[in-house]
Amino acid sequence: MHEAQPPRVDSPSGNIESVCMTGESANK
């Protein structure tokens, strides 16, 4: 699980919210 992970540069927004959303999606 990705909880305390830094914002990835791969993300277009590069925001913590984006990372959280991506983690949730990948978790599914």
C-alpha atoms as a PDB file:
ATOM      1  CA  MET A   1       0.000   0.000   0.000  1.00  0.00           C
ATOM      2  CA  HIS A   2       1.215   3.494  -0.795  1.00  0.00           C
ATOM      3  CA  GLU A   3       0.450   5.886   2.043  1.00  0.00           C
ATOM      4  CA  ALA A   4       3.471   8.047   2.797  1.00  0.00           C
ATOM      5  CA  GLN A   5       4.876   8.291  -0.722  1.00  0.00           C
ATOM      6  CA  PRO A   6       6.309  11.448  -2.323  1.00  0.00           C
ATOM      7  CA  PRO A   7       4.570  12.985  -5.359  1.00  0.00           C
ATOM      8  CA  ARG A   8       5.698  11.218  -8.551  1.00  0.00           C
ATOM      9  CA  VAL A   9       7.042  13.331 -11.415  1.00  0.00           C
ATOM     10  CA  ASP A  10       5.292  10.936 -13.816  1.00  0.00           C
ATOM     11  CA  SER A  11       1.976  12.378 -12.659  1.00  0.00           C
ATOM     12  CA  PRO A  12       0.705  15.266 -14.803  1.00  0.00           C
ATOM     13  CA  SER A  13      -0.466  17.165 -11.727  1.00  0.00           C
ATOM     14  CA  GLY A  14       2.359  15.995  -9.477  1.00  0.00           C
ATOM     15  CA  ASN A  15       0.119  16.577  -6.470  1.00  0.00           C
ATOM     16  CA  ILE A  16      -0.261  14.357  -3.406  1.00  0.00           C
ATOM     17  CA  GLU A  17      -3.951  14.024  -4.245  1.00  0.00           C
ATOM     18  CA  SER A  18      -3.072  12.571  -7.650  1.00  0.00           C
ATOM     19  CA  VAL A  19      -0.773  10.014  -6.037  1.00  0.00           C
ATOM     20  CA  CYS A  20      -3.479   9.082  -3.553  1.00  0.00           C
ATOM     21  CA  MET A  21      -5.982   8.588  -6.368  1.00  0.00           C
ATOM     22  CA  THR A  22      -3.521   6.523  -8.403  1.00  0.00           C
ATOM     23  CA  GLY A  23      -2.709   4.329  -5.396  1.00  0.00           C
ATOM     24  CA  GLU A  24      -6.395   3.667  -4.804  1.00  0.00           C
ATOM     25  CA  SER A  25      -6.967   2.825  -8.462  1.00  0.00           C
ATOM     26  CA  ALA A  26      -3.973   0.469  -8.576  1.00  0.00           C
ATOM     27  CA  ASN A  27      -5.108  -1.142  -5.327  1.00  0.00           C
ATOM     28  CA  LYS A  28      -8.457  -2.093  -6.901  1.00  0.00           C
END
